[in-house]
Amino acid sequence: MEGQFFDRREAGSMLAARLRTFASQDVVVLALPRGGIPVAYEVAVALNAPLAVFVVRKLGVPGHRELAMGAIASGGTRVLNDDLIRDLQIPTAAIDAVVAEESLELQRREREYGGGMPPVRGRTVILVDDGLATGATMRAAVLAIRTQQPARVVVAVPVGAWSTCESLHSDADEVICLRTPDPFSAVGLWYRKFDQTSDEEVRTLLDAAARRHAVQH
């Protein structure tokens, strides 16, 4: 398919080139695991910035889990698509059950990746993922990180649905989507190699980024 990236690392390198103007700022790169980590690693290396994960879990509609009715993020932030929930008449009990299930996975990932997150107050935070479809997960991340009072919040992705990238402008200070193909369909279609990112790969890249940053500082 024309316009595809080879893999997340290539997409990250291309995104990093677009973000080089941030190199002079006090930047923290936060990746949405797991697919966002290989992309964000390239960005963090290029900007000589610390890299950490910011755990966000999509809340899938019961019976149609790929369809997002909202998301939850580290720190207890919960974002719901009220219009979708009303249109599909999803009961509160069903929403609470999905939140409880995803909260367990969120907590597991926070333990798995460890290391905590660098302070972001007064700094420029660049939130990175491998792509944006509905944007529910990224929106939850933006709202959650806002509570920690960063100077700026920038959303940066290699590819995203045009309408989603546009809608995030109301939440983030800046939104950078390298490509906004139409029709969009799904993030994975825009990568030739779109294997699932493992927990081991996440830990390896986080460790490598930490070592690089420590040596350069």
N, C-alpha and C. Protein backbone atom coordinates (compact mmCIF):
# COMPACT_ATOMS: atom_id res chain seq x y z
N MET A 1 0.84 -1.19 0.00
CA MET A 1 0.00 0.00 0.00
C MET A 1 0.88 1.25 0.00
N GLU A 2 0.59 2.18 -0.87
CA GLU A 2 1.38 3.40 -0.97
C GLU A 2 1.27 4.20 0.33
N GLY A 3 2.40 4.72 0.77
CA GLY A 3 2.40 5.54 1.99
C GLY A 3 2.66 4.77 3.25
N GLN A 4 2.92 3.46 3.14
CA GLN A 4 3.18 2.65 4.33
C GLN A 4 4.58 2.93 4.87
N PHE A 5 4.71 2.81 6.18
CA PHE A 5 6.02 2.75 6.82
C PHE A 5 6.46 1.29 6.82
N PHE A 6 7.78 1.05 6.84
CA PHE A 6 8.24 -0.33 6.92
C PHE A 6 7.88 -0.91 8.28
N ASP A 7 8.29 -0.23 9.36
CA ASP A 7 7.96 -0.69 10.71
C ASP A 7 7.94 0.51 11.65
N ARG A 8 7.74 0.26 12.94
CA ARG A 8 7.62 1.35 13.91
C ARG A 8 8.92 2.14 14.06
N ARG A 9 10.05 1.44 13.95
CA ARG A 9 11.33 2.14 14.11
C ARG A 9 11.55 3.14 12.96
N GLU A 10 11.23 2.72 11.74
CA GLU A 10 11.34 3.65 10.61
C GLU A 10 10.39 4.84 10.80
N ALA A 11 9.17 4.53 11.21
CA ALA A 11 8.19 5.60 11.44
C ALA A 11 8.69 6.56 12.52
N GLY A 12 9.33 6.00 13.56
CA GLY A 12 9.87 6.83 14.63
C GLY A 12 10.98 7.74 14.16
N SER A 13 11.85 7.23 13.29
CA SER A 13 12.93 8.05 12.74
C SER A 13 12.38 9.21 11.92
N MET A 14 11.35 8.94 11.15
CA MET A 14 10.75 10.00 10.34
C MET A 14 10.03 11.02 11.21
N LEU A 15 9.38 10.53 12.26
CA LEU A 15 8.70 11.44 13.19
C LEU A 15 9.73 12.28 13.94
N ALA A 16 10.85 11.66 14.32
CA ALA A 16 11.90 12.38 15.04
C ALA A 16 12.44 13.54 14.20
N ALA A 17 12.59 13.32 12.90
CA ALA A 17 13.08 14.38 12.02
C ALA A 17 12.15 15.59 12.04
N ARG A 18 10.85 15.31 12.13
CA ARG A 18 9.85 16.39 12.17
C ARG A 18 9.88 17.11 13.52
N LEU A 19 10.33 16.43 14.56
CA LEU A 19 10.28 16.98 15.92
C LEU A 19 11.59 17.63 16.35
N ARG A 20 12.57 17.71 15.47
CA ARG A 20 13.88 18.23 15.87
C ARG A 20 13.82 19.67 16.38
N THR A 21 12.80 20.41 16.02
CA THR A 21 12.67 21.79 16.50
C THR A 21 12.48 21.84 18.01
N PHE A 22 12.11 20.70 18.62
CA PHE A 22 11.92 20.66 20.08
C PHE A 22 13.21 20.36 20.83
N ALA A 23 14.30 20.11 20.11
CA ALA A 23 15.56 19.70 20.74
C ALA A 23 16.09 20.74 21.72
N SER A 24 15.76 22.01 21.49
CA SER A 24 16.26 23.07 22.36
C SER A 24 15.40 23.27 23.61
N GLN A 25 14.29 22.56 23.70
CA GLN A 25 13.38 22.70 24.83
C GLN A 25 13.65 21.62 25.88
N ASP A 26 13.10 21.82 27.06
CA ASP A 26 13.20 20.84 28.14
C ASP A 26 12.09 19.82 27.92
N VAL A 27 12.44 18.71 27.28
CA VAL A 27 11.45 17.77 26.76
C VAL A 27 11.46 16.45 27.53
N VAL A 28 10.28 15.89 27.72
CA VAL A 28 10.11 14.52 28.18
C VAL A 28 9.28 13.79 27.13
N VAL A 29 9.76 12.63 26.69
CA VAL A 29 9.02 11.83 25.70
C VAL A 29 8.31 10.71 26.44
N LEU A 30 6.99 10.68 26.31
CA LEU A 30 6.19 9.64 26.94
C LEU A 30 5.52 8.79 25.86
N ALA A 31 5.74 7.49 25.94
CA ALA A 31 5.19 6.57 24.94
C ALA A 31 3.98 5.85 25.49
N LEU A 32 2.99 5.66 24.62
CA LEU A 32 1.84 4.83 24.98
C LEU A 32 2.20 3.39 24.64
N PRO A 33 2.32 2.53 25.67
CA PRO A 33 2.71 1.14 25.40
C PRO A 33 1.53 0.35 24.84
N ARG A 34 1.86 -0.71 24.07
CA ARG A 34 3.24 -1.07 23.81
C ARG A 34 3.71 -0.57 22.45
N GLY A 35 2.81 -0.42 21.51
CA GLY A 35 3.21 -0.06 20.15
C GLY A 35 3.89 1.28 20.02
N GLY A 36 3.65 2.18 20.96
CA GLY A 36 4.26 3.49 20.87
C GLY A 36 5.72 3.53 21.27
N ILE A 37 6.20 2.48 21.95
CA ILE A 37 7.56 2.50 22.48
C ILE A 37 8.63 2.53 21.38
N PRO A 38 8.58 1.64 20.37
CA PRO A 38 9.62 1.70 19.34
C PRO A 38 9.65 3.04 18.59
N VAL A 39 8.47 3.63 18.41
CA VAL A 39 8.39 4.95 17.75
C VAL A 39 9.02 6.01 18.65
N ALA A 40 8.62 6.00 19.91
CA ALA A 40 9.08 7.02 20.86
C ALA A 40 10.57 6.90 21.16
N TYR A 41 11.11 5.69 21.09
CA TYR A 41 12.53 5.51 21.34
C TYR A 41 13.35 6.34 20.35
N GLU A 42 12.97 6.28 19.08
CA GLU A 42 13.70 7.04 18.05
C GLU A 42 13.58 8.55 18.30
N VAL A 43 12.42 8.98 18.76
CA VAL A 43 12.20 10.40 19.05
C VAL A 43 13.07 10.83 20.23
N ALA A 44 13.08 10.03 21.29
CA ALA A 44 13.84 10.38 22.48
C ALA A 44 15.34 10.45 22.18
N VAL A 45 15.84 9.50 21.39
CA VAL A 45 17.26 9.50 21.03
C VAL A 45 17.60 10.75 20.22
N ALA A 46 16.76 11.07 19.25
CA ALA A 46 17.02 12.23 18.38
C ALA A 46 17.00 13.55 19.17
N LEU A 47 16.13 13.63 20.17
CA LEU A 47 15.99 14.87 20.94
C LEU A 47 16.85 14.86 22.20
N ASN A 48 17.56 13.75 22.42
CA ASN A 48 18.37 13.61 23.63
C ASN A 48 17.51 13.87 24.87
N ALA A 49 16.35 13.24 24.88
CA ALA A 49 15.37 13.46 25.95
C ALA A 49 15.09 12.16 26.70
N PRO A 50 14.68 12.26 27.97
CA PRO A 50 14.30 11.04 28.69
C PRO A 50 13.05 10.40 28.10
N LEU A 51 12.99 9.07 28.19
CA LEU A 51 11.86 8.31 27.66
C LEU A 51 11.22 7.52 28.79
N ALA A 52 9.92 7.56 28.86
CA ALA A 52 9.18 6.76 29.84
C ALA A 52 7.87 6.33 29.21
N VAL A 53 7.21 5.36 29.84
CA VAL A 53 5.90 4.94 29.36
C VAL A 53 4.81 5.67 30.14
N PHE A 54 3.71 5.88 29.47
CA PHE A 54 2.53 6.42 30.13
C PHE A 54 1.40 5.46 29.79
N VAL A 55 0.98 4.70 30.79
CA VAL A 55 0.06 3.59 30.52
C VAL A 55 -1.37 4.08 30.36
N VAL A 56 -1.96 3.73 29.24
CA VAL A 56 -3.35 4.05 28.93
C VAL A 56 -4.00 2.79 28.38
N ARG A 57 -5.23 2.53 28.79
CA ARG A 57 -5.94 1.35 28.30
C ARG A 57 -7.26 1.77 27.66
N LYS A 58 -7.47 1.26 26.45
CA LYS A 58 -8.73 1.51 25.76
C LYS A 58 -9.85 0.75 26.44
N LEU A 59 -11.02 1.34 26.51
CA LEU A 59 -12.22 0.67 27.02
C LEU A 59 -13.06 0.24 25.82
N GLY A 60 -13.03 -1.06 25.51
CA GLY A 60 -13.75 -1.55 24.35
C GLY A 60 -15.22 -1.80 24.65
N VAL A 61 -16.04 -1.58 23.65
CA VAL A 61 -17.48 -1.85 23.79
C VAL A 61 -17.67 -3.35 24.00
N PRO A 62 -18.44 -3.76 25.01
CA PRO A 62 -18.68 -5.19 25.23
C PRO A 62 -19.21 -5.87 23.96
N GLY A 63 -18.55 -6.95 23.57
CA GLY A 63 -18.95 -7.66 22.35
C GLY A 63 -18.30 -7.12 21.09
N HIS A 64 -17.73 -5.93 21.17
CA HIS A 64 -17.05 -5.29 20.03
C HIS A 64 -15.83 -4.56 20.57
N ARG A 65 -14.87 -5.33 21.09
CA ARG A 65 -13.78 -4.74 21.88
C ARG A 65 -12.88 -3.81 21.10
N GLU A 66 -12.85 -3.94 19.78
CA GLU A 66 -12.01 -3.03 18.98
C GLU A 66 -12.60 -1.63 18.90
N LEU A 67 -13.89 -1.51 19.18
CA LEU A 67 -14.55 -0.20 19.16
C LEU A 67 -14.41 0.45 20.53
N ALA A 68 -13.76 1.60 20.57
CA ALA A 68 -13.47 2.26 21.84
C ALA A 68 -14.65 3.10 22.32
N MET A 69 -15.06 2.85 23.57
CA MET A 69 -16.08 3.72 24.17
C MET A 69 -15.43 4.68 25.17
N GLY A 70 -14.10 4.60 25.26
CA GLY A 70 -13.36 5.48 26.17
C GLY A 70 -12.01 4.89 26.49
N ALA A 71 -11.38 5.42 27.54
CA ALA A 71 -10.06 4.94 27.93
C ALA A 71 -9.79 5.36 29.37
N ILE A 72 -8.82 4.67 30.00
CA ILE A 72 -8.35 5.04 31.33
C ILE A 72 -6.83 5.21 31.25
N ALA A 73 -6.28 6.02 32.17
CA ALA A 73 -4.84 6.29 32.15
C ALA A 73 -4.29 6.28 33.55
N SER A 74 -2.95 6.17 33.64
CA SER A 74 -2.27 6.24 34.93
C SER A 74 -2.74 7.49 35.67
N GLY A 75 -2.93 7.33 36.97
CA GLY A 75 -3.39 8.46 37.78
C GLY A 75 -4.89 8.50 37.97
N GLY A 76 -5.60 7.51 37.37
CA GLY A 76 -7.04 7.42 37.61
C GLY A 76 -7.91 8.19 36.64
N THR A 77 -7.34 8.76 35.59
CA THR A 77 -8.14 9.49 34.60
C THR A 77 -9.00 8.53 33.79
N ARG A 78 -10.26 8.90 33.61
CA ARG A 78 -11.18 8.10 32.79
C ARG A 78 -11.89 9.01 31.81
N VAL A 79 -11.84 8.66 30.53
CA VAL A 79 -12.49 9.43 29.47
C VAL A 79 -13.49 8.53 28.79
N LEU A 80 -14.74 8.98 28.68
CA LEU A 80 -15.79 8.19 28.05
C LEU A 80 -16.38 8.92 26.85
N ASN A 81 -16.72 8.16 25.81
CA ASN A 81 -17.41 8.70 24.64
C ASN A 81 -18.91 8.63 24.94
N ASP A 82 -19.42 9.69 25.53
CA ASP A 82 -20.81 9.70 25.99
C ASP A 82 -21.81 9.50 24.85
N ASP A 83 -21.50 10.08 23.69
CA ASP A 83 -22.42 9.94 22.55
C ASP A 83 -22.52 8.49 22.11
N LEU A 84 -21.38 7.82 22.01
CA LEU A 84 -21.38 6.41 21.60
C LEU A 84 -22.10 5.55 22.63
N ILE A 85 -21.84 5.80 23.88
CA ILE A 85 -22.46 5.01 24.96
C ILE A 85 -23.98 5.19 24.94
N ARG A 86 -24.41 6.41 24.68
CA ARG A 86 -25.86 6.67 24.62
C ARG A 86 -26.48 6.01 23.39
N ASP A 87 -25.78 6.13 22.24
CA ASP A 87 -26.33 5.56 21.00
C ASP A 87 -26.45 4.05 21.08
N LEU A 88 -25.46 3.41 21.73
CA LEU A 88 -25.47 1.95 21.83
C LEU A 88 -26.18 1.45 23.08
N GLN A 89 -26.61 2.40 23.91
CA GLN A 89 -27.34 2.08 25.14
C GLN A 89 -26.56 1.08 26.01
N ILE A 90 -25.30 1.40 26.24
CA ILE A 90 -24.43 0.54 27.05
C ILE A 90 -24.71 0.83 28.53
N PRO A 91 -25.11 -0.17 29.30
CA PRO A 91 -25.45 0.07 30.71
C PRO A 91 -24.22 0.40 31.55
N THR A 92 -24.44 1.15 32.61
CA THR A 92 -23.35 1.56 33.50
C THR A 92 -22.60 0.37 34.07
N ALA A 93 -23.33 -0.69 34.41
CA ALA A 93 -22.69 -1.88 34.99
C ALA A 93 -21.70 -2.50 34.01
N ALA A 94 -22.05 -2.49 32.71
CA ALA A 94 -21.16 -3.05 31.70
C ALA A 94 -19.90 -2.19 31.55
N ILE A 95 -20.08 -0.88 31.63
CA ILE A 95 -18.93 0.04 31.55
C ILE A 95 -18.01 -0.20 32.75
N ASP A 96 -18.60 -0.30 33.93
CA ASP A 96 -17.80 -0.51 35.15
C ASP A 96 -17.02 -1.82 35.09
N ALA A 97 -17.61 -2.84 34.49
CA ALA A 97 -16.94 -4.14 34.39
C ALA A 97 -15.72 -4.05 33.48
N VAL A 98 -15.85 -3.33 32.36
CA VAL A 98 -14.72 -3.15 31.45
C VAL A 98 -13.63 -2.31 32.12
N VAL A 99 -14.04 -1.26 32.83
CA VAL A 99 -13.07 -0.42 33.54
C VAL A 99 -12.29 -1.25 34.56
N ALA A 100 -12.98 -2.11 35.30
CA ALA A 100 -12.32 -2.93 36.32
C ALA A 100 -11.31 -3.88 35.67
N GLU A 101 -11.70 -4.49 34.55
CA GLU A 101 -10.81 -5.42 33.85
C GLU A 101 -9.57 -4.70 33.32
N GLU A 102 -9.79 -3.56 32.68
CA GLU A 102 -8.66 -2.83 32.09
C GLU A 102 -7.78 -2.19 33.16
N SER A 103 -8.36 -1.87 34.31
CA SER A 103 -7.57 -1.31 35.41
C SER A 103 -6.54 -2.31 35.90
N LEU A 104 -6.92 -3.59 35.92
CA LEU A 104 -5.98 -4.64 36.33
C LEU A 104 -4.79 -4.71 35.37
N GLU A 105 -5.09 -4.63 34.06
CA GLU A 105 -4.02 -4.68 33.06
C GLU A 105 -3.14 -3.42 33.13
N LEU A 106 -3.78 -2.27 33.38
CA LEU A 106 -3.02 -1.03 33.52
C LEU A 106 -2.03 -1.13 34.68
N GLN A 107 -2.52 -1.65 35.79
CA GLN A 107 -1.65 -1.80 36.97
C GLN A 107 -0.53 -2.81 36.71
N ARG A 108 -0.86 -3.89 35.98
CA ARG A 108 0.16 -4.89 35.65
C ARG A 108 1.27 -4.27 34.81
N ARG A 109 0.88 -3.47 33.83
CA ARG A 109 1.88 -2.85 32.96
C ARG A 109 2.72 -1.82 33.72
N GLU A 110 2.10 -1.10 34.63
CA GLU A 110 2.88 -0.15 35.42
C GLU A 110 3.95 -0.89 36.23
N ARG A 111 3.58 -2.05 36.79
CA ARG A 111 4.56 -2.85 37.53
C ARG A 111 5.61 -3.43 36.59
N GLU A 112 5.17 -3.91 35.44
CA GLU A 112 6.05 -4.58 34.48
C GLU A 112 7.14 -3.65 33.96
N TYR A 113 6.77 -2.42 33.63
CA TYR A 113 7.72 -1.51 33.00
C TYR A 113 8.52 -0.71 34.02
N GLY A 114 7.97 -0.55 35.21
CA GLY A 114 8.70 0.05 36.33
C GLY A 114 9.40 1.34 35.99
N GLY A 115 10.32 1.73 36.88
CA GLY A 115 11.15 2.89 36.61
C GLY A 115 10.50 4.23 36.86
N GLY A 116 9.17 4.26 36.95
CA GLY A 116 8.48 5.52 37.19
C GLY A 116 8.62 6.48 36.02
N MET A 117 8.16 7.68 36.23
CA MET A 117 8.14 8.69 35.18
C MET A 117 8.89 9.92 35.66
N PRO A 118 9.70 10.54 34.81
CA PRO A 118 10.40 11.75 35.23
C PRO A 118 9.39 12.86 35.50
N PRO A 119 9.74 13.85 36.33
CA PRO A 119 8.82 14.96 36.58
C PRO A 119 8.54 15.72 35.29
N VAL A 120 7.30 16.12 35.09
CA VAL A 120 6.93 16.81 33.86
C VAL A 120 6.48 18.24 34.09
N ARG A 121 6.32 18.64 35.34
CA ARG A 121 5.85 19.99 35.65
C ARG A 121 6.76 21.03 34.99
N GLY A 122 6.17 21.93 34.23
CA GLY A 122 6.92 23.00 33.59
C GLY A 122 7.72 22.59 32.37
N ARG A 123 7.61 21.32 31.94
CA ARG A 123 8.38 20.83 30.80
C ARG A 123 7.46 20.58 29.61
N THR A 124 8.06 20.41 28.44
CA THR A 124 7.30 20.05 27.24
C THR A 124 7.18 18.52 27.20
N VAL A 125 5.96 18.03 27.18
CA VAL A 125 5.72 16.59 27.12
C VAL A 125 5.29 16.22 25.70
N ILE A 126 6.01 15.28 25.10
CA ILE A 126 5.62 14.76 23.79
C ILE A 126 5.07 13.37 23.97
N LEU A 127 3.78 13.21 23.73
CA LEU A 127 3.10 11.92 23.84
C LEU A 127 3.13 11.23 22.48
N VAL A 128 3.66 10.02 22.45
CA VAL A 128 3.89 9.32 21.17
C VAL A 128 3.17 7.98 21.15
N ASP A 129 2.53 7.69 20.02
CA ASP A 129 1.97 6.36 19.77
C ASP A 129 2.27 5.99 18.32
N ASP A 130 1.97 4.74 17.95
CA ASP A 130 2.26 4.32 16.58
C ASP A 130 1.19 4.76 15.59
N GLY A 131 0.06 5.26 16.08
CA GLY A 131 -0.99 5.76 15.20
C GLY A 131 -2.23 6.11 15.98
N LEU A 132 -3.13 6.83 15.32
CA LEU A 132 -4.39 7.24 15.96
C LEU A 132 -5.57 6.82 15.10
N ALA A 133 -6.45 6.03 15.69
CA ALA A 133 -7.69 5.66 15.01
C ALA A 133 -8.82 6.51 15.60
N THR A 134 -9.39 6.09 16.72
CA THR A 134 -10.45 6.89 17.35
C THR A 134 -9.87 8.02 18.20
N GLY A 135 -8.64 7.84 18.70
CA GLY A 135 -8.02 8.87 19.53
C GLY A 135 -8.42 8.82 21.00
N ALA A 136 -9.27 7.87 21.39
CA ALA A 136 -9.74 7.81 22.78
C ALA A 136 -8.59 7.60 23.75
N THR A 137 -7.68 6.71 23.39
CA THR A 137 -6.55 6.42 24.27
C THR A 137 -5.65 7.63 24.42
N MET A 138 -5.32 8.28 23.30
CA MET A 138 -4.46 9.45 23.35
C MET A 138 -5.13 10.61 24.10
N ARG A 139 -6.41 10.77 23.91
CA ARG A 139 -7.11 11.86 24.61
C ARG A 139 -7.04 11.65 26.12
N ALA A 140 -7.20 10.41 26.56
CA ALA A 140 -7.09 10.11 27.99
C ALA A 140 -5.69 10.44 28.49
N ALA A 141 -4.68 10.14 27.67
CA ALA A 141 -3.30 10.43 28.05
C ALA A 141 -3.08 11.93 28.19
N VAL A 142 -3.59 12.69 27.24
CA VAL A 142 -3.43 14.15 27.29
C VAL A 142 -4.08 14.73 28.54
N LEU A 143 -5.31 14.32 28.81
CA LEU A 143 -6.04 14.85 29.97
C LEU A 143 -5.36 14.44 31.27
N ALA A 144 -4.84 13.22 31.31
CA ALA A 144 -4.18 12.75 32.52
C ALA A 144 -2.87 13.50 32.78
N ILE A 145 -2.09 13.73 31.72
CA ILE A 145 -0.80 14.40 31.90
C ILE A 145 -0.99 15.87 32.22
N ARG A 146 -2.09 16.45 31.77
CA ARG A 146 -2.40 17.86 32.10
C ARG A 146 -2.45 18.09 33.61
N THR A 147 -2.89 17.07 34.35
CA THR A 147 -3.03 17.23 35.80
C THR A 147 -1.67 17.41 36.47
N GLN A 148 -0.57 17.09 35.77
CA GLN A 148 0.77 17.23 36.32
C GLN A 148 1.45 18.54 35.91
N GLN A 149 0.68 19.41 35.29
CA GLN A 149 1.09 20.79 34.98
C GLN A 149 2.35 20.92 34.12
N PRO A 150 2.39 20.24 32.97
CA PRO A 150 3.49 20.48 32.03
C PRO A 150 3.34 21.85 31.38
N ALA A 151 4.42 22.35 30.81
CA ALA A 151 4.35 23.64 30.11
C ALA A 151 3.55 23.49 28.81
N ARG A 152 3.80 22.39 28.09
CA ARG A 152 3.12 22.13 26.83
C ARG A 152 2.90 20.63 26.68
N VAL A 153 1.83 20.28 26.00
CA VAL A 153 1.57 18.87 25.67
C VAL A 153 1.47 18.76 24.16
N VAL A 154 2.36 17.94 23.60
CA VAL A 154 2.41 17.73 22.15
C VAL A 154 2.07 16.27 21.86
N VAL A 155 1.13 16.05 20.97
CA VAL A 155 0.79 14.70 20.50
C VAL A 155 1.54 14.48 19.19
N ALA A 156 2.28 13.38 19.10
CA ALA A 156 3.06 13.11 17.88
C ALA A 156 2.90 11.66 17.47
N VAL A 157 2.42 11.44 16.25
CA VAL A 157 2.24 10.08 15.72
C VAL A 157 2.63 10.05 14.25
N PRO A 158 3.06 8.89 13.77
CA PRO A 158 3.39 8.77 12.35
C PRO A 158 2.16 8.86 11.43
N VAL A 159 1.05 8.30 11.91
CA VAL A 159 -0.13 8.22 11.05
C VAL A 159 -1.40 8.29 11.90
N GLY A 160 -2.44 8.89 11.33
CA GLY A 160 -3.69 8.97 12.07
C GLY A 160 -4.85 9.36 11.17
N ALA A 161 -6.04 9.05 11.61
CA ALA A 161 -7.23 9.49 10.89
C ALA A 161 -7.30 11.02 10.96
N TRP A 162 -7.58 11.66 9.84
CA TRP A 162 -7.56 13.13 9.79
C TRP A 162 -8.48 13.73 10.84
N SER A 163 -9.70 13.22 10.95
CA SER A 163 -10.66 13.79 11.89
C SER A 163 -10.19 13.65 13.33
N THR A 164 -9.52 12.53 13.63
CA THR A 164 -9.02 12.31 14.98
C THR A 164 -7.89 13.29 15.30
N CYS A 165 -6.96 13.44 14.38
CA CYS A 165 -5.85 14.39 14.59
C CYS A 165 -6.39 15.80 14.79
N GLU A 166 -7.38 16.17 14.01
CA GLU A 166 -7.97 17.50 14.14
C GLU A 166 -8.67 17.67 15.49
N SER A 167 -9.40 16.65 15.94
CA SER A 167 -10.16 16.77 17.18
C SER A 167 -9.25 16.91 18.40
N LEU A 168 -8.03 16.35 18.33
CA LEU A 168 -7.11 16.42 19.46
C LEU A 168 -6.52 17.81 19.67
N HIS A 169 -6.67 18.68 18.67
CA HIS A 169 -6.17 20.05 18.84
C HIS A 169 -6.87 20.77 19.99
N SER A 170 -8.07 20.32 20.32
CA SER A 170 -8.80 20.98 21.42
C SER A 170 -8.26 20.56 22.78
N ASP A 171 -7.48 19.48 22.83
CA ASP A 171 -6.93 18.99 24.10
C ASP A 171 -5.43 19.24 24.22
N ALA A 172 -4.69 19.06 23.14
CA ALA A 172 -3.23 19.22 23.16
C ALA A 172 -2.84 20.61 22.64
N ASP A 173 -1.64 21.05 23.01
CA ASP A 173 -1.14 22.34 22.51
C ASP A 173 -0.73 22.24 21.05
N GLU A 174 -0.27 21.06 20.65
CA GLU A 174 0.14 20.84 19.27
C GLU A 174 -0.08 19.37 18.92
N VAL A 175 -0.50 19.12 17.71
CA VAL A 175 -0.71 17.75 17.24
C VAL A 175 0.05 17.57 15.94
N ILE A 176 0.94 16.59 15.92
CA ILE A 176 1.74 16.32 14.73
C ILE A 176 1.42 14.91 14.23
N CYS A 177 0.75 14.83 13.10
CA CYS A 177 0.46 13.55 12.43
C CYS A 177 1.17 13.60 11.09
N LEU A 178 2.19 12.77 10.91
CA LEU A 178 2.95 12.81 9.65
C LEU A 178 2.05 12.54 8.45
N ARG A 179 1.17 11.57 8.60
CA ARG A 179 0.30 11.19 7.50
C ARG A 179 -1.13 11.03 7.99
N THR A 180 -2.07 11.54 7.20
CA THR A 180 -3.49 11.42 7.55
C THR A 180 -4.24 10.88 6.32
N PRO A 181 -4.02 9.60 5.98
CA PRO A 181 -4.63 9.02 4.78
C PRO A 181 -6.15 8.95 4.90
N ASP A 182 -6.80 9.04 3.75
CA ASP A 182 -8.26 8.94 3.70
C ASP A 182 -8.64 8.08 2.49
N PRO A 183 -9.32 6.95 2.69
CA PRO A 183 -9.83 6.45 3.98
C PRO A 183 -8.71 5.90 4.86
N PHE A 184 -8.95 5.91 6.16
CA PHE A 184 -7.92 5.52 7.12
C PHE A 184 -8.00 4.04 7.48
N SER A 185 -9.13 3.59 7.91
CA SER A 185 -9.42 2.19 8.27
C SER A 185 -8.76 1.77 9.59
N ALA A 186 -7.46 1.40 9.59
CA ALA A 186 -6.82 0.91 10.81
C ALA A 186 -5.34 1.25 10.79
N VAL A 187 -4.77 1.44 11.98
CA VAL A 187 -3.36 1.82 12.09
C VAL A 187 -2.44 0.80 11.41
N GLY A 188 -2.69 -0.49 11.67
CA GLY A 188 -1.81 -1.54 11.17
C GLY A 188 -1.68 -1.59 9.66
N LEU A 189 -2.67 -1.07 8.93
CA LEU A 189 -2.61 -1.09 7.47
C LEU A 189 -1.51 -0.19 6.93
N TRP A 190 -1.03 0.74 7.75
CA TRP A 190 -0.05 1.72 7.27
C TRP A 190 1.38 1.33 7.64
N TYR A 191 1.54 0.08 8.06
CA TYR A 191 2.86 -0.49 8.33
C TYR A 191 2.99 -1.82 7.59
N ARG A 192 4.12 -2.00 6.92
CA ARG A 192 4.34 -3.30 6.28
C ARG A 192 4.62 -4.38 7.33
N LYS A 193 5.32 -3.99 8.39
CA LYS A 193 5.63 -4.91 9.49
C LYS A 193 4.99 -4.34 10.74
N PHE A 194 3.97 -5.03 11.25
CA PHE A 194 3.20 -4.50 12.38
C PHE A 194 3.00 -5.59 13.42
N ASP A 195 4.10 -6.23 13.80
CA ASP A 195 4.03 -7.27 14.83
C ASP A 195 3.69 -6.64 16.18
N GLN A 196 3.09 -7.44 17.04
CA GLN A 196 2.79 -6.95 18.38
C GLN A 196 4.10 -6.70 19.13
N THR A 197 4.18 -5.57 19.81
CA THR A 197 5.37 -5.24 20.60
C THR A 197 5.28 -5.98 21.93
N SER A 198 6.34 -6.72 22.27
CA SER A 198 6.32 -7.53 23.49
C SER A 198 6.75 -6.71 24.70
N ASP A 199 6.40 -7.20 25.89
CA ASP A 199 6.85 -6.56 27.12
C ASP A 199 8.38 -6.53 27.19
N GLU A 200 8.99 -7.60 26.69
CA GLU A 200 10.46 -7.68 26.71
C GLU A 200 11.07 -6.58 25.84
N GLU A 201 10.49 -6.34 24.67
CA GLU A 201 11.00 -5.28 23.79
C GLU A 201 10.82 -3.92 24.45
N VAL A 202 9.69 -3.73 25.12
CA VAL A 202 9.45 -2.47 25.83
C VAL A 202 10.55 -2.23 26.86
N ARG A 203 10.81 -3.24 27.68
CA ARG A 203 11.84 -3.09 28.72
C ARG A 203 13.23 -2.84 28.12
N THR A 204 13.54 -3.56 27.03
CA THR A 204 14.84 -3.41 26.38
C THR A 204 15.04 -1.98 25.87
N LEU A 205 14.02 -1.43 25.22
CA LEU A 205 14.13 -0.07 24.67
C LEU A 205 14.17 0.97 25.78
N LEU A 206 13.39 0.77 26.83
CA LEU A 206 13.43 1.71 27.96
C LEU A 206 14.81 1.72 28.61
N ASP A 207 15.38 0.53 28.79
CA ASP A 207 16.72 0.43 29.39
C ASP A 207 17.77 1.10 28.50
N ALA A 208 17.68 0.85 27.19
CA ALA A 208 18.64 1.43 26.25
C ALA A 208 18.54 2.96 26.25
N ALA A 209 17.31 3.46 26.27
CA ALA A 209 17.12 4.92 26.29
C ALA A 209 17.66 5.52 27.57
N ALA A 210 17.44 4.85 28.69
CA ALA A 210 17.92 5.36 29.99
C ALA A 210 19.45 5.41 30.00
N ARG A 211 20.09 4.37 29.47
CA ARG A 211 21.56 4.35 29.44
C ARG A 211 22.11 5.47 28.56
N ARG A 212 21.52 5.65 27.41
CA ARG A 212 21.96 6.72 26.50
C ARG A 212 21.83 8.07 27.16
N HIS A 213 20.69 8.30 27.79
CA HIS A 213 20.43 9.60 28.40
C HIS A 213 21.37 9.86 29.55
N ALA A 214 21.67 8.82 30.34
CA ALA A 214 22.58 8.96 31.48
C ALA A 214 23.99 9.31 31.02
N VAL A 215 24.45 8.67 29.94
CA VAL A 215 25.80 8.92 29.42
C VAL A 215 25.92 10.37 28.91
N GLN A 216 24.85 10.85 28.28
CA GLN A 216 24.89 12.18 27.66
C GLN A 216 24.60 13.29 28.67
N HIS A 217 24.29 12.91 29.91
CA HIS A 217 24.04 13.92 30.94
C HIS A 217 24.92 13.61 32.15
